[in-house]
Protein backbone atom coordinates (compact mmCIF):
# COMPACT_ATOMS: atom_id res chain seq x y z
CA UNK A 1 0.00 0.00 0.00
CA UNK A 2 1.39 3.41 -0.91
CA UNK A 3 1.01 6.57 1.08
CA UNK A 4 -0.85 9.39 -0.65
CA UNK A 5 1.42 12.22 -1.71
CA UNK A 6 0.80 15.86 -0.94
CA UNK A 7 -0.88 16.62 -4.28
CA UNK A 8 -3.36 13.73 -3.80
CA UNK A 9 -4.25 15.04 -0.34
CA UNK A 10 -4.71 18.56 -1.78
CA UNK A 11 -7.05 17.22 -4.49
CA UNK A 12 -9.09 15.24 -1.93
CA UNK A 13 -9.34 18.32 0.30
CA UNK A 14 -10.43 20.50 -2.62
CA UNK A 15 -13.07 17.92 -3.59
CA UNK A 16 -14.35 17.74 -0.01
CA UNK A 17 -14.61 21.53 0.24
CA UNK A 18 -16.25 21.80 -3.19
CA UNK A 19 -18.84 19.14 -2.25
CA UNK A 20 -19.52 20.89 1.06
CA UNK A 21 -19.96 24.27 -0.64
CA UNK A 22 -22.24 22.74 -3.28
CA UNK A 23 -24.45 21.24 -0.58
CA UNK A 24 -24.41 23.97 2.11
CA UNK A 25 -23.11 27.11 0.39
CA UNK A 26 -20.67 29.65 1.76
CA UNK A 27 -22.97 30.52 4.68
CA UNK A 28 -22.88 26.85 5.69
CA UNK A 29 -19.09 26.90 5.59
CA UNK A 30 -18.99 30.07 7.69
CA UNK A 31 -21.37 28.50 10.20
CA UNK A 32 -19.31 25.28 10.34
CA UNK A 33 -16.11 27.25 10.88
CA UNK A 34 -17.74 29.32 13.65
CA UNK A 35 -19.03 26.15 15.35
CA UNK A 36 -15.57 24.59 15.14
CA UNK A 37 -13.91 27.72 16.52
CA UNK A 38 -16.45 28.02 19.35
CA UNK A 39 -16.02 24.34 20.23
CA UNK A 40 -12.29 24.95 20.75
CA UNK A 41 -12.79 27.87 23.14
CA UNK A 42 -12.34 27.25 26.85
CA UNK A 43 -13.91 28.87 29.87
CA UNK A 44 -11.76 29.10 32.99
CA UNK A 45 -13.58 28.37 36.23
CA UNK A 46 -11.34 29.66 39.00
CA UNK A 47 -12.00 29.29 42.73
CA UNK A 48 -9.76 29.86 45.74
CA UNK A 49 -8.57 26.27 45.67
CA UNK A 50 -8.91 25.09 42.06
CA UNK A 51 -8.90 25.96 38.39
CA UNK A 52 -10.96 24.06 35.82
CA UNK A 53 -10.97 24.40 32.04
CA UNK A 54 -14.40 23.86 30.50
CA UNK A 55 -15.16 23.86 26.78
CA UNK A 56 -17.63 26.70 26.24
CA UNK A 57 -19.64 24.40 23.97
CA UNK A 58 -20.21 22.08 26.98
CA UNK A 59 -21.93 24.77 29.10
CA UNK A 60 -25.74 24.64 29.21
CA UNK A 61 -26.45 27.51 31.58
CA UNK A 62 -25.27 29.41 34.64
CA UNK A 63 -27.17 30.71 37.60
CA UNK A 64 -26.22 32.78 40.61
CA UNK A 65 -27.32 32.83 44.24
CA UNK A 66 -25.65 35.26 46.63
CA UNK A 67 -22.52 35.67 44.44
CA UNK A 68 -22.13 31.87 44.07
CA UNK A 69 -22.29 30.97 40.39
CA UNK A 70 -23.28 27.44 39.42
CA UNK A 71 -22.13 26.39 35.95
CA UNK A 72 -24.18 23.50 34.54
CA UNK A 73 -22.29 21.56 31.87
CA UNK A 74 -22.41 18.37 29.90
CA UNK A 75 -19.94 16.84 32.39
CA UNK A 76 -21.24 18.11 35.71
CA UNK A 77 -21.72 21.25 37.74
CA UNK A 78 -18.99 23.69 38.73
CA UNK A 79 -19.16 26.47 41.30
CA UNK A 80 -17.35 29.77 41.63
CA UNK A 81 -17.67 33.20 43.19
CA UNK A 82 -18.50 36.18 40.97
CA UNK A 83 -21.17 38.18 39.20
CA UNK A 84 -23.43 37.01 36.41
CA UNK A 85 -22.93 40.25 34.46
CA UNK A 86 -19.18 39.57 34.19
CA UNK A 87 -19.89 36.03 32.98
CA UNK A 88 -22.39 37.31 30.41
CA UNK A 89 -19.87 39.88 29.11
CA UNK A 90 -17.34 37.14 28.39
CA UNK A 91 -19.85 34.59 27.04
CA UNK A 92 -22.37 36.66 25.03
CA UNK A 93 -20.23 36.39 21.88
CA UNK A 94 -20.62 32.58 22.17
CA UNK A 95 -24.42 32.72 22.12
CA UNK A 96 -25.22 33.13 25.82
CA UNK A 97 -28.20 35.28 26.76
CA UNK A 98 -29.90 36.31 29.98
CA UNK A 99 -33.14 34.39 30.57
CA UNK A 100 -33.84 35.47 34.16
CA UNK A 101 -32.38 37.96 36.60
CA UNK A 102 -30.19 35.19 38.06
CA UNK A 103 -29.58 32.98 34.98
CA UNK A 104 -27.91 32.96 31.55
CA UNK A 105 -28.36 30.19 28.98
CA UNK A 106 -26.56 29.03 25.85
CA UNK A 107 -28.83 29.52 22.82
CA UNK A 108 -27.17 26.49 21.23
CA UNK A 109 -28.35 24.26 24.07
CA UNK A 110 -32.05 25.20 23.82
CA UNK A 111 -34.27 22.48 22.32
CA UNK A 112 -37.56 24.34 22.69
CA UNK A 113 -39.42 27.07 24.53
CA UNK A 114 -42.82 26.35 26.06
CA UNK A 115 -44.62 29.18 27.85
CA UNK A 116 -42.10 30.40 30.45
CA UNK A 117 -39.94 27.28 30.35
CA UNK A 118 -36.81 26.67 28.32
CA UNK A 119 -36.22 22.99 27.58
CA UNK A 120 -32.55 22.22 26.98
CA UNK A 121 -31.15 19.48 24.75
CA UNK A 122 -30.26 17.43 27.83
CA UNK A 123 -33.92 17.50 28.96
CA UNK A 124 -33.42 20.04 31.76
CA UNK A 125 -36.14 22.63 32.14
CA UNK A 126 -35.29 26.13 33.32
CA UNK A 127 -37.54 29.11 33.96
CA UNK A 128 -37.54 32.12 31.65
CA UNK A 129 -38.65 35.49 33.02
CA UNK A 130 -41.29 37.35 31.02
CA UNK A 131 -38.92 40.34 30.99
CA UNK A 132 -36.43 38.41 28.80
CA UNK A 133 -38.90 36.30 26.78
CA UNK A 134 -39.05 38.46 23.65
CA UNK A 135 -35.28 38.71 23.23
CA UNK A 136 -34.77 34.98 23.92
CA UNK A 137 -37.48 33.89 21.48
CA UNK A 138 -36.13 36.29 18.85
CA UNK A 139 -32.52 35.10 19.24
CA UNK A 140 -33.57 31.44 19.43
CA UNK A 141 -35.57 31.81 16.19
CA UNK A 142 -32.57 33.41 14.42
CA UNK A 143 -30.27 30.70 15.76
CA UNK A 144 -32.44 27.87 14.37
CA UNK A 145 -32.63 29.15 10.76
C-alpha atoms as a PDB file:
ATOM      1  CA  UNK A   1       0.000   0.000   0.000  1.00  0.00           C
ATOM      2  CA  UNK A   2       1.388   3.406  -0.912  1.00  0.00           C
ATOM      3  CA  UNK A   3       1.009   6.573   1.077  1.00  0.00           C
ATOM      4  CA  UNK A   4      -0.846   9.392  -0.652  1.00  0.00           C
ATOM      5  CA  UNK A   5       1.423  12.221  -1.711  1.00  0.00           C
ATOM      6  CA  UNK A   6       0.797  15.858  -0.936  1.00  0.00           C
ATOM      7  CA  UNK A   7      -0.885  16.620  -4.277  1.00  0.00           C
ATOM      8  CA  UNK A   8      -3.359  13.725  -3.802  1.00  0.00           C
ATOM      9  CA  UNK A   9      -4.252  15.039  -0.342  1.00  0.00           C
ATOM     10  CA  UNK A  10      -4.715  18.562  -1.775  1.00  0.00           C
ATOM     11  CA  UNK A  11      -7.050  17.224  -4.488  1.00  0.00           C
ATOM     12  CA  UNK A  12      -9.085  15.243  -1.929  1.00  0.00           C
ATOM     13  CA  UNK A  13      -9.335  18.316   0.299  1.00  0.00           C
ATOM     14  CA  UNK A  14     -10.429  20.504  -2.624  1.00  0.00           C
ATOM     15  CA  UNK A  15     -13.071  17.921  -3.590  1.00  0.00           C
ATOM     16  CA  UNK A  16     -14.354  17.744  -0.011  1.00  0.00           C
ATOM     17  CA  UNK A  17     -14.608  21.534   0.241  1.00  0.00           C
ATOM     18  CA  UNK A  18     -16.253  21.795  -3.194  1.00  0.00           C
ATOM     19  CA  UNK A  19     -18.838  19.138  -2.252  1.00  0.00           C
ATOM     20  CA  UNK A  20     -19.525  20.885   1.062  1.00  0.00           C
ATOM     21  CA  UNK A  21     -19.956  24.269  -0.642  1.00  0.00           C
ATOM     22  CA  UNK A  22     -22.240  22.741  -3.276  1.00  0.00           C
ATOM     23  CA  UNK A  23     -24.452  21.245  -0.576  1.00  0.00           C
ATOM     24  CA  UNK A  24     -24.412  23.970   2.111  1.00  0.00           C
ATOM     25  CA  UNK A  25     -23.109  27.114   0.395  1.00  0.00           C
ATOM     26  CA  UNK A  26     -20.668  29.651   1.756  1.00  0.00           C
ATOM     27  CA  UNK A  27     -22.971  30.522   4.678  1.00  0.00           C
ATOM     28  CA  UNK A  28     -22.881  26.845   5.688  1.00  0.00           C
ATOM     29  CA  UNK A  29     -19.086  26.898   5.585  1.00  0.00           C
ATOM     30  CA  UNK A  30     -18.995  30.073   7.687  1.00  0.00           C
ATOM     31  CA  UNK A  31     -21.373  28.504  10.204  1.00  0.00           C
ATOM     32  CA  UNK A  32     -19.314  25.282  10.342  1.00  0.00           C
ATOM     33  CA  UNK A  33     -16.108  27.250  10.877  1.00  0.00           C
ATOM     34  CA  UNK A  34     -17.740  29.317  13.649  1.00  0.00           C
ATOM     35  CA  UNK A  35     -19.029  26.152  15.355  1.00  0.00           C
ATOM     36  CA  UNK A  36     -15.574  24.590  15.138  1.00  0.00           C
ATOM     37  CA  UNK A  37     -13.905  27.723  16.523  1.00  0.00           C
ATOM     38  CA  UNK A  38     -16.446  28.018  19.346  1.00  0.00           C
ATOM     39  CA  UNK A  39     -16.016  24.339  20.233  1.00  0.00           C
ATOM     40  CA  UNK A  40     -12.294  24.950  20.748  1.00  0.00           C
ATOM     41  CA  UNK A  41     -12.794  27.868  23.140  1.00  0.00           C
ATOM     42  CA  UNK A  42     -12.337  27.249  26.851  1.00  0.00           C
ATOM     43  CA  UNK A  43     -13.910  28.866  29.868  1.00  0.00           C
ATOM     44  CA  UNK A  44     -11.760  29.095  32.986  1.00  0.00           C
ATOM     45  CA  UNK A  45     -13.583  28.366  36.233  1.00  0.00           C
ATOM     46  CA  UNK A  46     -11.338  29.664  39.000  1.00  0.00           C
ATOM     47  CA  UNK A  47     -12.005  29.286  42.732  1.00  0.00           C
ATOM     48  CA  UNK A  48      -9.759  29.861  45.744  1.00  0.00           C
ATOM     49  CA  UNK A  49      -8.567  26.267  45.674  1.00  0.00           C
ATOM     50  CA  UNK A  50      -8.910  25.093  42.064  1.00  0.00           C
ATOM     51  CA  UNK A  51      -8.898  25.964  38.387  1.00  0.00           C
ATOM     52  CA  UNK A  52     -10.961  24.056  35.824  1.00  0.00           C
ATOM     53  CA  UNK A  53     -10.974  24.405  32.036  1.00  0.00           C
ATOM     54  CA  UNK A  54     -14.404  23.864  30.496  1.00  0.00           C
ATOM     55  CA  UNK A  55     -15.164  23.858  26.776  1.00  0.00           C
ATOM     56  CA  UNK A  56     -17.626  26.698  26.243  1.00  0.00           C
ATOM     57  CA  UNK A  57     -19.641  24.401  23.975  1.00  0.00           C
ATOM     58  CA  UNK A  58     -20.206  22.075  26.985  1.00  0.00           C
ATOM     59  CA  UNK A  59     -21.929  24.771  29.098  1.00  0.00           C
ATOM     60  CA  UNK A  60     -25.742  24.637  29.211  1.00  0.00           C
ATOM     61  CA  UNK A  61     -26.452  27.514  31.578  1.00  0.00           C
ATOM     62  CA  UNK A  62     -25.273  29.415  34.643  1.00  0.00           C
ATOM     63  CA  UNK A  63     -27.169  30.705  37.603  1.00  0.00           C
ATOM     64  CA  UNK A  64     -26.221  32.779  40.608  1.00  0.00           C
ATOM     65  CA  UNK A  65     -27.324  32.830  44.237  1.00  0.00           C
ATOM     66  CA  UNK A  66     -25.649  35.263  46.634  1.00  0.00           C
ATOM     67  CA  UNK A  67     -22.521  35.667  44.437  1.00  0.00           C
ATOM     68  CA  UNK A  68     -22.134  31.874  44.068  1.00  0.00           C
ATOM     69  CA  UNK A  69     -22.292  30.975  40.393  1.00  0.00           C
ATOM     70  CA  UNK A  70     -23.282  27.436  39.424  1.00  0.00           C
ATOM     71  CA  UNK A  71     -22.133  26.388  35.952  1.00  0.00           C
ATOM     72  CA  UNK A  72     -24.183  23.501  34.538  1.00  0.00           C
ATOM     73  CA  UNK A  73     -22.292  21.564  31.874  1.00  0.00           C
ATOM     74  CA  UNK A  74     -22.411  18.367  29.904  1.00  0.00           C
ATOM     75  CA  UNK A  75     -19.936  16.837  32.386  1.00  0.00           C
ATOM     76  CA  UNK A  76     -21.244  18.110  35.714  1.00  0.00           C
ATOM     77  CA  UNK A  77     -21.717  21.248  37.744  1.00  0.00           C
ATOM     78  CA  UNK A  78     -18.986  23.691  38.726  1.00  0.00           C
ATOM     79  CA  UNK A  79     -19.156  26.468  41.302  1.00  0.00           C
ATOM     80  CA  UNK A  80     -17.348  29.767  41.627  1.00  0.00           C
ATOM     81  CA  UNK A  81     -17.667  33.202  43.187  1.00  0.00           C
ATOM     82  CA  UNK A  82     -18.498  36.180  40.967  1.00  0.00           C
ATOM     83  CA  UNK A  83     -21.172  38.182  39.196  1.00  0.00           C
ATOM     84  CA  UNK A  84     -23.430  37.012  36.412  1.00  0.00           C
ATOM     85  CA  UNK A  85     -22.930  40.247  34.461  1.00  0.00           C
ATOM     86  CA  UNK A  86     -19.179  39.568  34.192  1.00  0.00           C
ATOM     87  CA  UNK A  87     -19.891  36.034  32.976  1.00  0.00           C
ATOM     88  CA  UNK A  88     -22.390  37.314  30.411  1.00  0.00           C
ATOM     89  CA  UNK A  89     -19.867  39.881  29.115  1.00  0.00           C
ATOM     90  CA  UNK A  90     -17.345  37.145  28.393  1.00  0.00           C
ATOM     91  CA  UNK A  91     -19.852  34.593  27.042  1.00  0.00           C
ATOM     92  CA  UNK A  92     -22.370  36.658  25.034  1.00  0.00           C
ATOM     93  CA  UNK A  93     -20.233  36.392  21.884  1.00  0.00           C
ATOM     94  CA  UNK A  94     -20.618  32.582  22.171  1.00  0.00           C
ATOM     95  CA  UNK A  95     -24.424  32.725  22.125  1.00  0.00           C
ATOM     96  CA  UNK A  96     -25.222  33.133  25.821  1.00  0.00           C
ATOM     97  CA  UNK A  97     -28.197  35.283  26.758  1.00  0.00           C
ATOM     98  CA  UNK A  98     -29.901  36.308  29.978  1.00  0.00           C
ATOM     99  CA  UNK A  99     -33.142  34.393  30.569  1.00  0.00           C
ATOM    100  CA  UNK A 100     -33.838  35.469  34.161  1.00  0.00           C
ATOM    101  CA  UNK A 101     -32.378  37.957  36.603  1.00  0.00           C
ATOM    102  CA  UNK A 102     -30.189  35.192  38.061  1.00  0.00           C
ATOM    103  CA  UNK A 103     -29.579  32.984  34.979  1.00  0.00           C
ATOM    104  CA  UNK A 104     -27.911  32.957  31.547  1.00  0.00           C
ATOM    105  CA  UNK A 105     -28.358  30.191  28.984  1.00  0.00           C
ATOM    106  CA  UNK A 106     -26.556  29.026  25.848  1.00  0.00           C
ATOM    107  CA  UNK A 107     -28.828  29.515  22.824  1.00  0.00           C
ATOM    108  CA  UNK A 108     -27.174  26.492  21.228  1.00  0.00           C
ATOM    109  CA  UNK A 109     -28.352  24.263  24.074  1.00  0.00           C
ATOM    110  CA  UNK A 110     -32.045  25.203  23.825  1.00  0.00           C
ATOM    111  CA  UNK A 111     -34.270  22.485  22.317  1.00  0.00           C
ATOM    112  CA  UNK A 112     -37.564  24.338  22.685  1.00  0.00           C
ATOM    113  CA  UNK A 113     -39.424  27.066  24.530  1.00  0.00           C
ATOM    114  CA  UNK A 114     -42.822  26.354  26.057  1.00  0.00           C
ATOM    115  CA  UNK A 115     -44.625  29.177  27.848  1.00  0.00           C
ATOM    116  CA  UNK A 116     -42.101  30.398  30.454  1.00  0.00           C
ATOM    117  CA  UNK A 117     -39.939  27.279  30.351  1.00  0.00           C
ATOM    118  CA  UNK A 118     -36.813  26.665  28.321  1.00  0.00           C
ATOM    119  CA  UNK A 119     -36.215  22.987  27.577  1.00  0.00           C
ATOM    120  CA  UNK A 120     -32.554  22.216  26.983  1.00  0.00           C
ATOM    121  CA  UNK A 121     -31.146  19.485  24.747  1.00  0.00           C
ATOM    122  CA  UNK A 122     -30.261  17.431  27.834  1.00  0.00           C
ATOM    123  CA  UNK A 123     -33.917  17.499  28.957  1.00  0.00           C
ATOM    124  CA  UNK A 124     -33.418  20.037  31.761  1.00  0.00           C
ATOM    125  CA  UNK A 125     -36.144  22.628  32.135  1.00  0.00           C
ATOM    126  CA  UNK A 126     -35.291  26.133  33.317  1.00  0.00           C
ATOM    127  CA  UNK A 127     -37.543  29.111  33.960  1.00  0.00           C
ATOM    128  CA  UNK A 128     -37.536  32.123  31.654  1.00  0.00           C
ATOM    129  CA  UNK A 129     -38.655  35.492  33.024  1.00  0.00           C
ATOM    130  CA  UNK A 130     -41.286  37.353  31.018  1.00  0.00           C
ATOM    131  CA  UNK A 131     -38.918  40.336  30.990  1.00  0.00           C
ATOM    132  CA  UNK A 132     -36.433  38.414  28.802  1.00  0.00           C
ATOM    133  CA  UNK A 133     -38.898  36.296  26.776  1.00  0.00           C
ATOM    134  CA  UNK A 134     -39.054  38.455  23.646  1.00  0.00           C
ATOM    135  CA  UNK A 135     -35.278  38.707  23.233  1.00  0.00           C
ATOM    136  CA  UNK A 136     -34.772  34.985  23.916  1.00  0.00           C
ATOM    137  CA  UNK A 137     -37.476  33.888  21.477  1.00  0.00           C
ATOM    138  CA  UNK A 138     -36.129  36.295  18.848  1.00  0.00           C
ATOM    139  CA  UNK A 139     -32.519  35.104  19.236  1.00  0.00           C
ATOM    140  CA  UNK A 140     -33.565  31.443  19.428  1.00  0.00           C
ATOM    141  CA  UNK A 141     -35.566  31.814  16.194  1.00  0.00           C
ATOM    142  CA  UNK A 142     -32.572  33.409  14.420  1.00  0.00           C
ATOM    143  CA  UNK A 143     -30.274  30.700  15.759  1.00  0.00           C
ATOM    144  CA  UNK A 144     -32.442  27.865  14.366  1.00  0.00           C
ATOM    145  CA  UNK A 145     -32.633  29.146  10.764  1.00  0.00           C
END
